[in-house]
Full PDB file with SEQRES, HELIX, SHEET, SSBOND, CRYST1, ORIGX, SCALE, CONECT and MASTER records, all heavy atoms in Angstrom:
SEQRES   1 A   38  LYS ALA TRP LYS GLU ARG LEU ALA PHE ILE ARG ASP ALA          
SEQRES   2 A   38  GLN GLY GLN PRO VAL ARG GLU ARG VAL ASN PHE ARG SER          
SEQRES   3 A   38  GLU LEU VAL PHE VAL ARG ALA PHE TYR GLN ASP ILE              
HELIX    1 AA1 ALA A    2  LEU A    7  1                                   6    
HELIX    2 AA2 PHE A   24  ASP A   37  1                                  14    
SHEET    1 AA1 2 PHE A   9  ARG A  11  0                                        
SHEET    2 AA1 2 PRO A  17  GLU A  20 -1                                        
CRYST1    1.000    1.000    1.000  90.00  90.00  90.00 P 1           1          
ORIGX1      1.000000  0.000000  0.000000        0.00000                         
ORIGX2      0.000000  1.000000  0.000000        0.00000                         
ORIGX3      0.000000  0.000000  1.000000        0.00000                         
SCALE1      1.000000  0.000000  0.000000        0.00000                         
SCALE2      0.000000  1.000000  0.000000        0.00000                         
SCALE3      0.000000  0.000000  1.000000        0.00000                         
ATOM      1  N   LYS A   1      43.318   6.691  69.425  1.00  0.00           N  
ATOM      2  CA  LYS A   1      43.413   5.745  70.543  1.00  0.00           C  
ATOM      3  C   LYS A   1      42.270   4.729  70.492  1.00  0.00           C  
ATOM      4  O   LYS A   1      42.483   3.526  70.659  1.00  0.00           O  
ATOM      5  CB  LYS A   1      43.385   6.491  71.870  1.00  0.00           C  
ATOM      6  CG  LYS A   1      43.511   5.594  73.058  1.00  0.00           C  
ATOM      7  CD  LYS A   1      43.479   6.372  74.359  1.00  0.00           C  
ATOM      8  CE  LYS A   1      43.613   5.405  75.517  1.00  0.00           C  
ATOM      9  NZ  LYS A   1      42.901   5.801  76.685  1.00  0.00           N  
ATOM     10  N   ALA A   2      41.060   5.205  70.235  1.00  0.00           N  
ATOM     11  CA  ALA A   2      39.906   4.304  70.169  1.00  0.00           C  
ATOM     12  C   ALA A   2      40.056   3.314  69.024  1.00  0.00           C  
ATOM     13  O   ALA A   2      39.743   2.123  69.173  1.00  0.00           O  
ATOM     14  CB  ALA A   2      38.622   5.115  70.018  1.00  0.00           C  
ATOM     15  N   TRP A   3      40.556   3.781  67.871  1.00  0.00           N  
ATOM     16  CA  TRP A   3      40.765   2.879  66.737  1.00  0.00           C  
ATOM     17  C   TRP A   3      41.779   1.797  67.102  1.00  0.00           C  
ATOM     18  O   TRP A   3      41.560   0.614  66.835  1.00  0.00           O  
ATOM     19  CB  TRP A   3      41.230   3.652  65.500  1.00  0.00           C  
ATOM     20  CG  TRP A   3      41.656   2.734  64.411  1.00  0.00           C  
ATOM     21  CD1 TRP A   3      40.846   1.962  63.621  1.00  0.00           C  
ATOM     22  CD2 TRP A   3      42.999   2.416  64.034  1.00  0.00           C  
ATOM     23  NE1 TRP A   3      41.607   1.204  62.761  1.00  0.00           N  
ATOM     24  CE2 TRP A   3      42.931   1.471  62.996  1.00  0.00           C  
ATOM     25  CE3 TRP A   3      44.244   2.851  64.457  1.00  0.00           C  
ATOM     26  CZ2 TRP A   3      44.061   0.953  62.390  1.00  0.00           C  
ATOM     27  CZ3 TRP A   3      45.370   2.337  63.846  1.00  0.00           C  
ATOM     28  CH2 TRP A   3      45.275   1.399  62.824  1.00  0.00           C  
ATOM     29  N   LYS A   4      42.884   2.180  67.719  1.00  0.00           N  
ATOM     30  CA  LYS A   4      43.913   1.204  68.099  1.00  0.00           C  
ATOM     31  C   LYS A   4      43.357   0.186  69.094  1.00  0.00           C  
ATOM     32  O   LYS A   4      43.671  -1.005  69.013  1.00  0.00           O  
ATOM     33  CB  LYS A   4      45.128   1.909  68.696  1.00  0.00           C  
ATOM     34  CG  LYS A   4      45.908   2.714  67.676  1.00  0.00           C  
ATOM     35  CD  LYS A   4      46.998   3.515  68.363  1.00  0.00           C  
ATOM     36  CE  LYS A   4      47.540   4.591  67.475  1.00  0.00           C  
ATOM     37  NZ  LYS A   4      48.511   5.456  68.175  1.00  0.00           N  
ATOM     38  N   GLU A   5      42.532   0.648  70.006  1.00  0.00           N  
ATOM     39  CA  GLU A   5      41.929  -0.271  70.982  1.00  0.00           C  
ATOM     40  C   GLU A   5      41.001  -1.258  70.284  1.00  0.00           C  
ATOM     41  O   GLU A   5      40.971  -2.444  70.622  1.00  0.00           O  
ATOM     42  CB  GLU A   5      41.186   0.510  72.049  1.00  0.00           C  
ATOM     43  CG  GLU A   5      42.122   1.242  72.998  1.00  0.00           C  
ATOM     44  CD  GLU A   5      41.422   2.204  73.938  1.00  0.00           C  
ATOM     45  OE1 GLU A   5      40.179   2.386  73.835  1.00  0.00           O  
ATOM     46  OE2 GLU A   5      42.126   2.800  74.775  1.00  0.00           O  
ATOM     47  N   ARG A   6      40.236  -0.796  69.305  1.00  0.00           N  
ATOM     48  CA  ARG A   6      39.360  -1.713  68.556  1.00  0.00           C  
ATOM     49  C   ARG A   6      40.185  -2.690  67.728  1.00  0.00           C  
ATOM     50  O   ARG A   6      39.859  -3.873  67.632  1.00  0.00           O  
ATOM     51  CB  ARG A   6      38.398  -0.928  67.663  1.00  0.00           C  
ATOM     52  CG  ARG A   6      37.320  -0.195  68.420  1.00  0.00           C  
ATOM     53  CD  ARG A   6      36.271   0.391  67.493  1.00  0.00           C  
ATOM     54  NE  ARG A   6      36.796   1.358  66.533  1.00  0.00           N  
ATOM     55  CZ  ARG A   6      36.929   2.667  66.763  1.00  0.00           C  
ATOM     56  NH1 ARG A   6      36.600   3.183  67.933  1.00  0.00           N  
ATOM     57  NH2 ARG A   6      37.398   3.466  65.816  1.00  0.00           N  
ATOM     58  N   LEU A   7      41.264  -2.206  67.129  1.00  0.00           N  
ATOM     59  CA  LEU A   7      42.111  -3.041  66.282  1.00  0.00           C  
ATOM     60  C   LEU A   7      42.817  -4.135  67.076  1.00  0.00           C  
ATOM     61  O   LEU A   7      43.106  -5.210  66.549  1.00  0.00           O  
ATOM     62  CB  LEU A   7      43.166  -2.169  65.579  1.00  0.00           C  
ATOM     63  CG  LEU A   7      44.128  -2.890  64.648  1.00  0.00           C  
ATOM     64  CD1 LEU A   7      43.379  -3.439  63.441  1.00  0.00           C  
ATOM     65  CD2 LEU A   7      45.245  -1.963  64.215  1.00  0.00           C  
ATOM     66  N   ALA A   8      43.077  -3.903  68.319  1.00  0.00           N  
ATOM     67  CA  ALA A   8      43.846  -4.837  69.144  1.00  0.00           C  
ATOM     68  C   ALA A   8      43.155  -6.184  69.341  1.00  0.00           C  
ATOM     69  O   ALA A   8      43.791  -7.142  69.772  1.00  0.00           O  
ATOM     70  CB  ALA A   8      44.158  -4.207  70.499  1.00  0.00           C  
ATOM     71  N   PHE A   9      41.858  -6.255  69.016  1.00  0.00           N  
ATOM     72  CA  PHE A   9      41.107  -7.497  69.236  1.00  0.00           C  
ATOM     73  C   PHE A   9      40.355  -7.931  67.989  1.00  0.00           C  
ATOM     74  O   PHE A   9      39.836  -7.099  67.249  1.00  0.00           O  
ATOM     75  CB  PHE A   9      40.094  -7.319  70.374  1.00  0.00           C  
ATOM     76  CG  PHE A   9      40.740  -7.173  71.714  1.00  0.00           C  
ATOM     77  CD1 PHE A   9      41.109  -5.931  72.184  1.00  0.00           C  
ATOM     78  CD2 PHE A   9      41.015  -8.296  72.484  1.00  0.00           C  
ATOM     79  CE1 PHE A   9      41.729  -5.790  73.419  1.00  0.00           C  
ATOM     80  CE2 PHE A   9      41.632  -8.174  73.714  1.00  0.00           C  
ATOM     81  CZ  PHE A   9      41.994  -6.914  74.182  1.00  0.00           C  
ATOM     82  N   ILE A  10      40.280  -9.231  67.790  1.00  0.00           N  
ATOM     83  CA  ILE A  10      39.375  -9.815  66.808  1.00  0.00           C  
ATOM     84  C   ILE A  10      37.996  -9.726  67.453  1.00  0.00           C  
ATOM     85  O   ILE A  10      37.834 -10.035  68.633  1.00  0.00           O  
ATOM     86  CB  ILE A  10      39.724 -11.293  66.524  1.00  0.00           C  
ATOM     87  CG1 ILE A  10      41.155 -11.427  66.007  1.00  0.00           C  
ATOM     88  CG2 ILE A  10      38.706 -11.938  65.593  1.00  0.00           C  
ATOM     89  CD1 ILE A  10      41.385 -10.858  64.637  1.00  0.00           C  
ATOM     90  N   ARG A  11      37.007  -9.312  66.678  1.00  0.00           N  
ATOM     91  CA  ARG A  11      35.670  -9.107  67.239  1.00  0.00           C  
ATOM     92  C   ARG A  11      34.638  -9.975  66.524  1.00  0.00           C  
ATOM     93  O   ARG A  11      34.806 -10.325  65.361  1.00  0.00           O  
ATOM     94  CB  ARG A  11      35.292  -7.633  67.131  1.00  0.00           C  
ATOM     95  CG  ARG A  11      36.252  -6.792  67.950  1.00  0.00           C  
ATOM     96  CD  ARG A  11      35.978  -5.323  67.874  1.00  0.00           C  
ATOM     97  NE  ARG A  11      36.961  -4.607  68.662  1.00  0.00           N  
ATOM     98  CZ  ARG A  11      36.861  -4.358  69.963  1.00  0.00           C  
ATOM     99  NH1 ARG A  11      35.802  -4.743  70.623  1.00  0.00           N  
ATOM    100  NH2 ARG A  11      37.821  -3.715  70.602  1.00  0.00           N  
ATOM    101  N   ASP A  12      33.563 -10.286  67.235  1.00  0.00           N  
ATOM    102  CA  ASP A  12      32.479 -11.058  66.634  1.00  0.00           C  
ATOM    103  C   ASP A  12      31.567 -10.118  65.846  1.00  0.00           C  
ATOM    104  O   ASP A  12      31.823  -8.911  65.754  1.00  0.00           O  
ATOM    105  CB  ASP A  12      31.709 -11.861  67.690  1.00  0.00           C  
ATOM    106  CG  ASP A  12      31.002 -10.992  68.718  1.00  0.00           C  
ATOM    107  OD1 ASP A  12      30.778  -9.778  68.471  1.00  0.00           O  
ATOM    108  OD2 ASP A  12      30.655 -11.525  69.791  1.00  0.00           O  
ATOM    109  N   ALA A  13      30.505 -10.670  65.273  1.00  0.00           N  
ATOM    110  CA  ALA A  13      29.601  -9.884  64.432  1.00  0.00           C  
ATOM    111  C   ALA A  13      28.941  -8.733  65.183  1.00  0.00           C  
ATOM    112  O   ALA A  13      28.540  -7.736  64.580  1.00  0.00           O  
ATOM    113  CB  ALA A  13      28.533 -10.795  63.822  1.00  0.00           C  
ATOM    114  N   GLN A  14      28.830  -8.848  66.486  1.00  0.00           N  
ATOM    115  CA  GLN A  14      28.223  -7.794  67.297  1.00  0.00           C  
ATOM    116  C   GLN A  14      29.257  -6.779  67.780  1.00  0.00           C  
ATOM    117  O   GLN A  14      28.925  -5.836  68.498  1.00  0.00           O  
ATOM    118  CB  GLN A  14      27.485  -8.380  68.509  1.00  0.00           C  
ATOM    119  CG  GLN A  14      26.224  -9.152  68.155  1.00  0.00           C  
ATOM    120  CD  GLN A  14      26.517 -10.492  67.502  1.00  0.00           C  
ATOM    121  OE1 GLN A  14      27.415 -11.217  67.921  1.00  0.00           O  
ATOM    122  NE2 GLN A  14      25.773 -10.810  66.446  1.00  0.00           N  
ATOM    123  N   GLY A  15      30.523  -6.990  67.408  1.00  0.00           N  
ATOM    124  CA  GLY A  15      31.569  -6.062  67.793  1.00  0.00           C  
ATOM    125  C   GLY A  15      32.216  -6.338  69.138  1.00  0.00           C  
ATOM    126  O   GLY A  15      33.025  -5.551  69.614  1.00  0.00           O  
ATOM    127  N   GLN A  16      31.885  -7.469  69.730  1.00  0.00           N  
ATOM    128  CA  GLN A  16      32.448  -7.821  71.032  1.00  0.00           C  
ATOM    129  C   GLN A  16      33.826  -8.478  70.850  1.00  0.00           C  
ATOM    130  O   GLN A  16      34.000  -9.308  69.960  1.00  0.00           O  
ATOM    131  CB  GLN A  16      31.514  -8.774  71.778  1.00  0.00           C  
ATOM    132  CG  GLN A  16      30.157  -8.170  72.083  1.00  0.00           C  
ATOM    133  CD  GLN A  16      30.281  -6.877  72.874  1.00  0.00           C  
ATOM    134  OE1 GLN A  16      30.965  -6.823  73.886  1.00  0.00           O  
ATOM    135  NE2 GLN A  16      29.621  -5.833  72.397  1.00  0.00           N  
ATOM    136  N   PRO A  17      34.793  -8.128  71.679  1.00  0.00           N  
ATOM    137  CA  PRO A  17      36.124  -8.748  71.563  1.00  0.00           C  
ATOM    138  C   PRO A  17      36.059 -10.257  71.797  1.00  0.00           C  
ATOM    139  O   PRO A  17      35.407 -10.706  72.721  1.00  0.00           O  
ATOM    140  CB  PRO A  17      36.935  -8.081  72.667  1.00  0.00           C  
ATOM    141  CG  PRO A  17      36.141  -6.899  73.105  1.00  0.00           C  
ATOM    142  CD  PRO A  17      34.722  -7.162  72.757  1.00  0.00           C  
ATOM    143  N   VAL A  18      36.720 -10.995  70.917  1.00  0.00           N  
ATOM    144  CA  VAL A  18      36.770 -12.451  71.031  1.00  0.00           C  
ATOM    145  C   VAL A  18      38.150 -12.878  71.534  1.00  0.00           C  
ATOM    146  O   VAL A  18      38.253 -13.689  72.443  1.00  0.00           O  
ATOM    147  CB  VAL A  18      36.475 -13.116  69.670  1.00  0.00           C  
ATOM    148  CG1 VAL A  18      36.651 -14.618  69.741  1.00  0.00           C  
ATOM    149  CG2 VAL A  18      35.094 -12.736  69.186  1.00  0.00           C  
ATOM    150  N   ARG A  19      39.192 -12.309  70.922  1.00  0.00           N  
ATOM    151  CA  ARG A  19      40.561 -12.614  71.331  1.00  0.00           C  
ATOM    152  C   ARG A  19      41.484 -11.511  70.820  1.00  0.00           C  
ATOM    153  O   ARG A  19      41.112 -10.738  69.942  1.00  0.00           O  
ATOM    154  CB  ARG A  19      41.015 -13.967  70.798  1.00  0.00           C  
ATOM    155  CG  ARG A  19      41.003 -14.086  69.297  1.00  0.00           C  
ATOM    156  CD  ARG A  19      41.388 -15.496  68.837  1.00  0.00           C  
ATOM    157  NE  ARG A  19      40.995 -15.758  67.483  1.00  0.00           N  
ATOM    158  CZ  ARG A  19      41.651 -15.356  66.394  1.00  0.00           C  
ATOM    159  NH1 ARG A  19      42.758 -14.662  66.505  1.00  0.00           N  
ATOM    160  NH2 ARG A  19      41.208 -15.639  65.197  1.00  0.00           N  
ATOM    161  N   GLU A  20      42.670 -11.473  71.376  1.00  0.00           N  
ATOM    162  CA  GLU A  20      43.638 -10.470  70.935  1.00  0.00           C  
ATOM    163  C   GLU A  20      44.076 -10.764  69.510  1.00  0.00           C  
ATOM    164  O   GLU A  20      44.194 -11.913  69.111  1.00  0.00           O  
ATOM    165  CB  GLU A  20      44.862 -10.462  71.850  1.00  0.00           C  
ATOM    166  CG  GLU A  20      44.589  -9.832  73.199  1.00  0.00           C  
ATOM    167  CD  GLU A  20      45.849  -9.640  74.003  1.00  0.00           C  
ATOM    168  OE1 GLU A  20      46.856  -9.167  73.448  1.00  0.00           O  
ATOM    169  OE2 GLU A  20      45.801  -9.983  75.191  1.00  0.00           O  
ATOM    170  N   ARG A  21      44.316  -9.696  68.757  1.00  0.00           N  
ATOM    171  CA  ARG A  21      44.792  -9.827  67.380  1.00  0.00           C  
ATOM    172  C   ARG A  21      46.297 -10.095  67.420  1.00  0.00           C  
ATOM    173  O   ARG A  21      47.061  -9.312  67.967  1.00  0.00           O  
ATOM    174  CB  ARG A  21      44.499  -8.543  66.614  1.00  0.00           C  
ATOM    175  CG  ARG A  21      44.865  -8.591  65.152  1.00  0.00           C  
ATOM    176  CD  ARG A  21      44.526  -7.280  64.454  1.00  0.00           C  
ATOM    177  NE  ARG A  21      43.126  -6.946  64.566  1.00  0.00           N  
ATOM    178  CZ  ARG A  21      42.162  -7.416  63.782  1.00  0.00           C  
ATOM    179  NH1 ARG A  21      42.453  -8.256  62.818  1.00  0.00           N  
ATOM    180  NH2 ARG A  21      40.901  -7.045  63.964  1.00  0.00           N  
ATOM    181  N   VAL A  22      46.720 -11.195  66.836  1.00  0.00           N  
ATOM    182  CA  VAL A  22      48.126 -11.581  66.844  1.00  0.00           C  
ATOM    183  C   VAL A  22      48.971 -10.600  66.034  1.00  0.00           C  
ATOM    184  O   VAL A  22      50.079 -10.247  66.425  1.00  0.00           O  
ATOM    185  CB  VAL A  22      48.305 -13.016  66.291  1.00  0.00           C  
ATOM    186  CG1 VAL A  22      49.766 -13.388  66.174  1.00  0.00           C  
ATOM    187  CG2 VAL A  22      47.559 -14.006  67.161  1.00  0.00           C  
ATOM    188  N   ASN A  23      48.463 -10.143  64.898  1.00  0.00           N  
ATOM    189  CA  ASN A  23      49.228  -9.278  64.000  1.00  0.00           C  
ATOM    190  C   ASN A  23      48.912  -7.789  64.204  1.00  0.00           C  
ATOM    191  O   ASN A  23      49.008  -6.995  63.280  1.00  0.00           O  
ATOM    192  CB  ASN A  23      48.986  -9.676  62.552  1.00  0.00           C  
ATOM    193  CG  ASN A  23      47.549  -9.457  62.124  1.00  0.00           C  
ATOM    194  OD1 ASN A  23      46.635  -9.396  62.954  1.00  0.00           O  
ATOM    195  ND2 ASN A  23      47.329  -9.339  60.826  1.00  0.00           N  
ATOM    196  N   PHE A  24      48.585  -7.397  65.407  1.00  0.00           N  
ATOM    197  CA  PHE A  24      48.218  -6.014  65.712  1.00  0.00           C  
ATOM    198  C   PHE A  24      49.276  -5.027  65.227  1.00  0.00           C  
ATOM    199  O   PHE A  24      48.969  -4.053  64.548  1.00  0.00           O  
ATOM    200  CB  PHE A  24      47.996  -5.881  67.224  1.00  0.00           C  
ATOM    201  CG  PHE A  24      47.792  -4.476  67.696  1.00  0.00           C  
ATOM    202  CD1 PHE A  24      46.631  -3.794  67.385  1.00  0.00           C  
ATOM    203  CD2 PHE A  24      48.754  -3.830  68.457  1.00  0.00           C  
ATOM    204  CE1 PHE A  24      46.418  -2.498  67.819  1.00  0.00           C  
ATOM    205  CE2 PHE A  24      48.557  -2.539  68.902  1.00  0.00           C  
ATOM    206  CZ  PHE A  24      47.384  -1.869  68.580  1.00  0.00           C  
ATOM    207  N   ARG A  25      50.523  -5.254  65.554  1.00  0.00           N  
ATOM    208  CA  ARG A  25      51.590  -4.322  65.162  1.00  0.00           C  
ATOM    209  C   ARG A  25      51.775  -4.272  63.648  1.00  0.00           C  
ATOM    210  O   ARG A  25      52.084  -3.228  63.093  1.00  0.00           O  
ATOM    211  CB  ARG A  25      52.888  -4.669  65.862  1.00  0.00           C  
ATOM    212  CG  ARG A  25      52.836  -4.388  67.347  1.00  0.00           C  
ATOM    213  CD  ARG A  25      54.194  -4.556  67.996  1.00  0.00           C  
ATOM    214  NE  ARG A  25      54.123  -4.470  69.426  1.00  0.00           N  
ATOM    215  CZ  ARG A  25      54.162  -3.335  70.119  1.00  0.00           C  
ATOM    216  NH1 ARG A  25      54.265  -2.196  69.499  1.00  0.00           N  
ATOM    217  NH2 ARG A  25      54.092  -3.357  71.436  1.00  0.00           N  
ATOM    218  N   SER A  26      51.555  -5.382  62.969  1.00  0.00           N  
ATOM    219  CA  SER A  26      51.655  -5.383  61.504  1.00  0.00           C  
ATOM    220  C   SER A  26      50.623  -4.461  60.890  1.00  0.00           C  
ATOM    221  O   SER A  26      50.905  -3.755  59.920  1.00  0.00           O  
ATOM    222  CB  SER A  26      51.461  -6.795  60.956  1.00  0.00           C  
ATOM    223  OG  SER A  26      52.463  -7.646  61.419  1.00  0.00           O  
ATOM    224  N   GLU A  27      49.422  -4.468  61.428  1.00  0.00           N  
ATOM    225  CA  GLU A  27      48.376  -3.581  60.920  1.00  0.00           C  
ATOM    226  C   GLU A  27      48.762  -2.121  61.146  1.00  0.00           C  
ATOM    227  O   GLU A  27      48.500  -1.264  60.298  1.00  0.00           O  
ATOM    228  CB  GLU A  27      47.036  -3.896  61.580  1.00  0.00           C  
ATOM    229  CG  GLU A  27      46.505  -5.278  61.274  1.00  0.00           C  
ATOM    230  CD  GLU A  27      46.306  -5.532  59.791  1.00  0.00           C  
ATOM    231  OE1 GLU A  27      45.946  -4.591  59.055  1.00  0.00           O  
ATOM    232  OE2 GLU A  27      46.524  -6.674  59.366  1.00  0.00           O  
ATOM    233  N   LEU A  28      49.391  -1.825  62.268  1.00  0.00           N  
ATOM    234  CA  LEU A  28      49.846  -0.455  62.525  1.00  0.00           C  
ATOM    235  C   LEU A  28      50.899  -0.033  61.504  1.00  0.00           C  
ATOM    236  O   LEU A  28      50.904   1.119  61.043  1.00  0.00           O  
ATOM    237  CB  LEU A  28      50.411  -0.335  63.946  1.00  0.00           C  
ATOM    238  CG  LEU A  28      49.433  -0.531  65.100  1.00  0.00           C  
ATOM    239  CD1 LEU A  28      50.174  -0.424  66.427  1.00  0.00           C  
ATOM    240  CD2 LEU A  28      48.283   0.453  65.041  1.00  0.00           C  
ATOM    241  N   VAL A  29      51.779  -0.962  61.135  1.00  0.00           N  
ATOM    242  CA  VAL A  29      52.811  -0.673  60.136  1.00  0.00           C  
ATOM    243  C   VAL A  29      52.170  -0.279  58.813  1.00  0.00           C  
ATOM    244  O   VAL A  29      52.604   0.679  58.159  1.00  0.00           O  
ATOM    245  CB  VAL A  29      53.756  -1.881  59.950  1.00  0.00           C  
ATOM    246  CG1 VAL A  29      54.672  -1.688  58.749  1.00  0.00           C  
ATOM    247  CG2 VAL A  29      54.571  -2.114  61.202  1.00  0.00           C  
ATOM    248  N   PHE A  30      51.119  -0.987  58.407  1.00  0.00           N  
ATOM    249  CA  PHE A  30      50.451  -0.682  57.138  1.00  0.00           C  
ATOM    250  C   PHE A  30      49.877   0.737  57.141  1.00  0.00           C  
ATOM    251  O   PHE A  30      50.005   1.473  56.166  1.00  0.00           O  
ATOM    252  CB  PHE A  30      49.332  -1.680  56.842  1.00  0.00           C  
ATOM    253  CG  PHE A  30      49.806  -3.087  56.612  1.00  0.00           C  
ATOM    254  CD1 PHE A  30      49.091  -4.147  57.133  1.00  0.00           C  
ATOM    255  CD2 PHE A  30      50.950  -3.361  55.888  1.00  0.00           C  
ATOM    256  CE1 PHE A  30      49.509  -5.462  56.927  1.00  0.00           C  
ATOM    257  CE2 PHE A  30      51.385  -4.661  55.677  1.00  0.00           C  
ATOM    258  CZ  PHE A  30      50.650  -5.714  56.205  1.00  0.00           C  
ATOM    259  N   VAL A  31      49.241   1.098  58.222  1.00  0.00           N  
ATOM    260  CA  VAL A  31      48.626   2.430  58.297  1.00  0.00           C  
ATOM    261  C   VAL A  31      49.704   3.506  58.352  1.00  0.00           C  
ATOM    262  O   VAL A  31      49.598   4.537  57.694  1.00  0.00           O  
ATOM    263  CB  VAL A  31      47.654   2.527  59.491  1.00  0.00           C  
ATOM    264  CG1 VAL A  31      47.140   3.939  59.659  1.00  0.00           C  
ATOM    265  CG2 VAL A  31      46.506   1.550  59.297  1.00  0.00           C  
ATOM    266  N   ARG A  32      50.756   3.257  59.102  1.00  0.00           N  
ATOM    267  CA  ARG A  32      51.857   4.223  59.161  1.00  0.00           C  
ATOM    268  C   ARG A  32      52.460   4.417  57.767  1.00  0.00           C  
ATOM    269  O   ARG A  32      52.741   5.542  57.348  1.00  0.00           O  
ATOM    270  CB  ARG A  32      52.913   3.742  60.156  1.00  0.00           C  
ATOM    271  CG  ARG A  32      54.036   4.721  60.370  1.00  0.00           C  
ATOM    272  CD  ARG A  32      54.926   4.285  61.528  1.00  0.00           C  
ATOM    273  NE  ARG A  32      56.170   4.993  61.559  1.00  0.00           N  
ATOM    274  CZ  ARG A  32      56.342   6.206  62.065  1.00  0.00           C  
ATOM    275  NH1 ARG A  32      55.321   6.849  62.597  1.00  0.00           N  
ATOM    276  NH2 ARG A  32      57.523   6.787  62.042  1.00  0.00           N  
ATOM    277  N   ALA A  33      52.650   3.332  57.039  1.00  0.00           N  
ATOM    278  CA  ALA A  33      53.193   3.421  55.680  1.00  0.00           C  
ATOM    279  C   ALA A  33      52.253   4.198  54.763  1.00  0.00           C  
ATOM    280  O   ALA A  33      52.707   4.970  53.906  1.00  0.00           O  
ATOM    281  CB  ALA A  33      53.446   2.022  55.124  1.00  0.00           C  
ATOM    282  N   PHE A  34      50.972   4.020  54.937  1.00  0.00           N  
ATOM    283  CA  PHE A  34      49.971   4.748  54.151  1.00  0.00           C  
ATOM    284  C   PHE A  34      50.129   6.258  54.346  1.00  0.00           C  
ATOM    285  O   PHE A  34      50.175   7.021  53.382  1.00  0.00           O  
ATOM    286  CB  PHE A  34      48.575   4.277  54.571  1.00  0.00           C  
ATOM    287  CG  PHE A  34      47.446   5.047  53.969  1.00  0.00           C  
ATOM    288  CD1 PHE A  34      47.243   5.068  52.604  1.00  0.00           C  
ATOM    289  CD2 PHE A  34      46.561   5.737  54.779  1.00  0.00           C  
ATOM    290  CE1 PHE A  34      46.181   5.779  52.051  1.00  0.00           C  
ATOM    291  CE2 PHE A  34      45.499   6.446  54.243  1.00  0.00           C  
ATOM    292  CZ  PHE A  34      45.308   6.460  52.870  1.00  0.00           C  
ATOM    293  N   TYR A  35      50.254   6.694  55.590  1.00  0.00           N  
ATOM    294  CA  TYR A  35      50.449   8.116  55.878  1.00  0.00           C  
ATOM    295  C   TYR A  35      51.761   8.625  55.264  1.00  0.00           C  
ATOM    296  O   TYR A  35      51.818   9.722  54.712  1.00  0.00           O  
ATOM    297  CB  TYR A  35      50.442   8.368  57.387  1.00  0.00           C  
ATOM    298  CG  TYR A  35      49.071   8.586  57.963  1.00  0.00           C  
ATOM    299  CD1 TYR A  35      48.220   7.519  58.229  1.00  0.00           C  
ATOM    300  CD2 TYR A  35      48.607   9.866  58.253  1.00  0.00           C  
ATOM    301  CE1 TYR A  35      46.961   7.713  58.768  1.00  0.00           C  
ATOM    302  CE2 TYR A  35      47.353  10.070  58.801  1.00  0.00           C  
ATOM    303  CZ  TYR A  35      46.534   8.992  59.048  1.00  0.00           C  
ATOM    304  OH  TYR A  35      45.283   9.200  59.575  1.00  0.00           O  
ATOM    305  N   GLN A  36      52.806   7.826  55.349  1.00  0.00           N  
ATOM    306  CA  GLN A  36      54.089   8.228  54.773  1.00  0.00           C  
ATOM    307  C   GLN A  36      54.023   8.290  53.254  1.00  0.00           C  
ATOM    308  O   GLN A  36      54.602   9.198  52.640  1.00  0.00           O  
ATOM    309  CB  GLN A  36      55.187   7.265  55.230  1.00  0.00           C  
ATOM    310  CG  GLN A  36      55.484   7.388  56.709  1.00  0.00           C  
ATOM    311  CD  GLN A  36      56.418   6.307  57.214  1.00  0.00           C  
ATOM    312  OE1 GLN A  36      56.594   5.252  56.586  1.00  0.00           O  
ATOM    313  NE2 GLN A  36      57.026   6.555  58.362  1.00  0.00           N  
ATOM    314  N   ASP A  37      53.309   7.358  52.640  1.00  0.00           N  
ATOM    315  CA  ASP A  37      53.134   7.384  51.188  1.00  0.00           C  
ATOM    316  C   ASP A  37      52.448   8.668  50.741  1.00  0.00           C  
ATOM    317  O   ASP A  37      52.873   9.306  49.775  1.00  0.00           O  
ATOM    318  CB  ASP A  37      52.311   6.183  50.710  1.00  0.00           C  
ATOM    319  CG  ASP A  37      53.085   4.884  50.714  1.00  0.00           C  
ATOM    320  OD1 ASP A  37      54.330   4.915  50.818  1.00  0.00           O  
ATOM    321  OD2 ASP A  37      52.424   3.824  50.613  1.00  0.00           O  
ATOM    322  N   ILE A  38      51.395   9.038  51.425  1.00  0.00           N  
ATOM    323  CA  ILE A  38      50.667  10.251  51.050  1.00  0.00           C  
ATOM    324  C   ILE A  38      51.580  11.469  51.135  1.00  0.00           C  
ATOM    325  O   ILE A  38      51.565  12.339  50.251  1.00  0.00           O  
ATOM    326  CB  ILE A  38      49.406  10.431  51.911  1.00  0.00           C  
ATOM    327  CG1 ILE A  38      48.383   9.350  51.556  1.00  0.00           C  
ATOM    328  CG2 ILE A  38      48.799  11.823  51.705  1.00  0.00           C  
ATOM    329  CD1 ILE A  38      47.185   9.311  52.461  1.00  0.00           C  
TER     330      ILE A  38                                                      
MASTER        0    0    0    2    2    0    0    6  329    1    0    3          
END                                                                             
């Protein structure tokens, strides 16, 4: 849950949220595919 919350936003160098990540769901697809590949 914490990872998904961090992924949902583009962050600055200090880790502060700058804006929502437009391709958030695409990144989730990549990780899901990785688990399925393994």
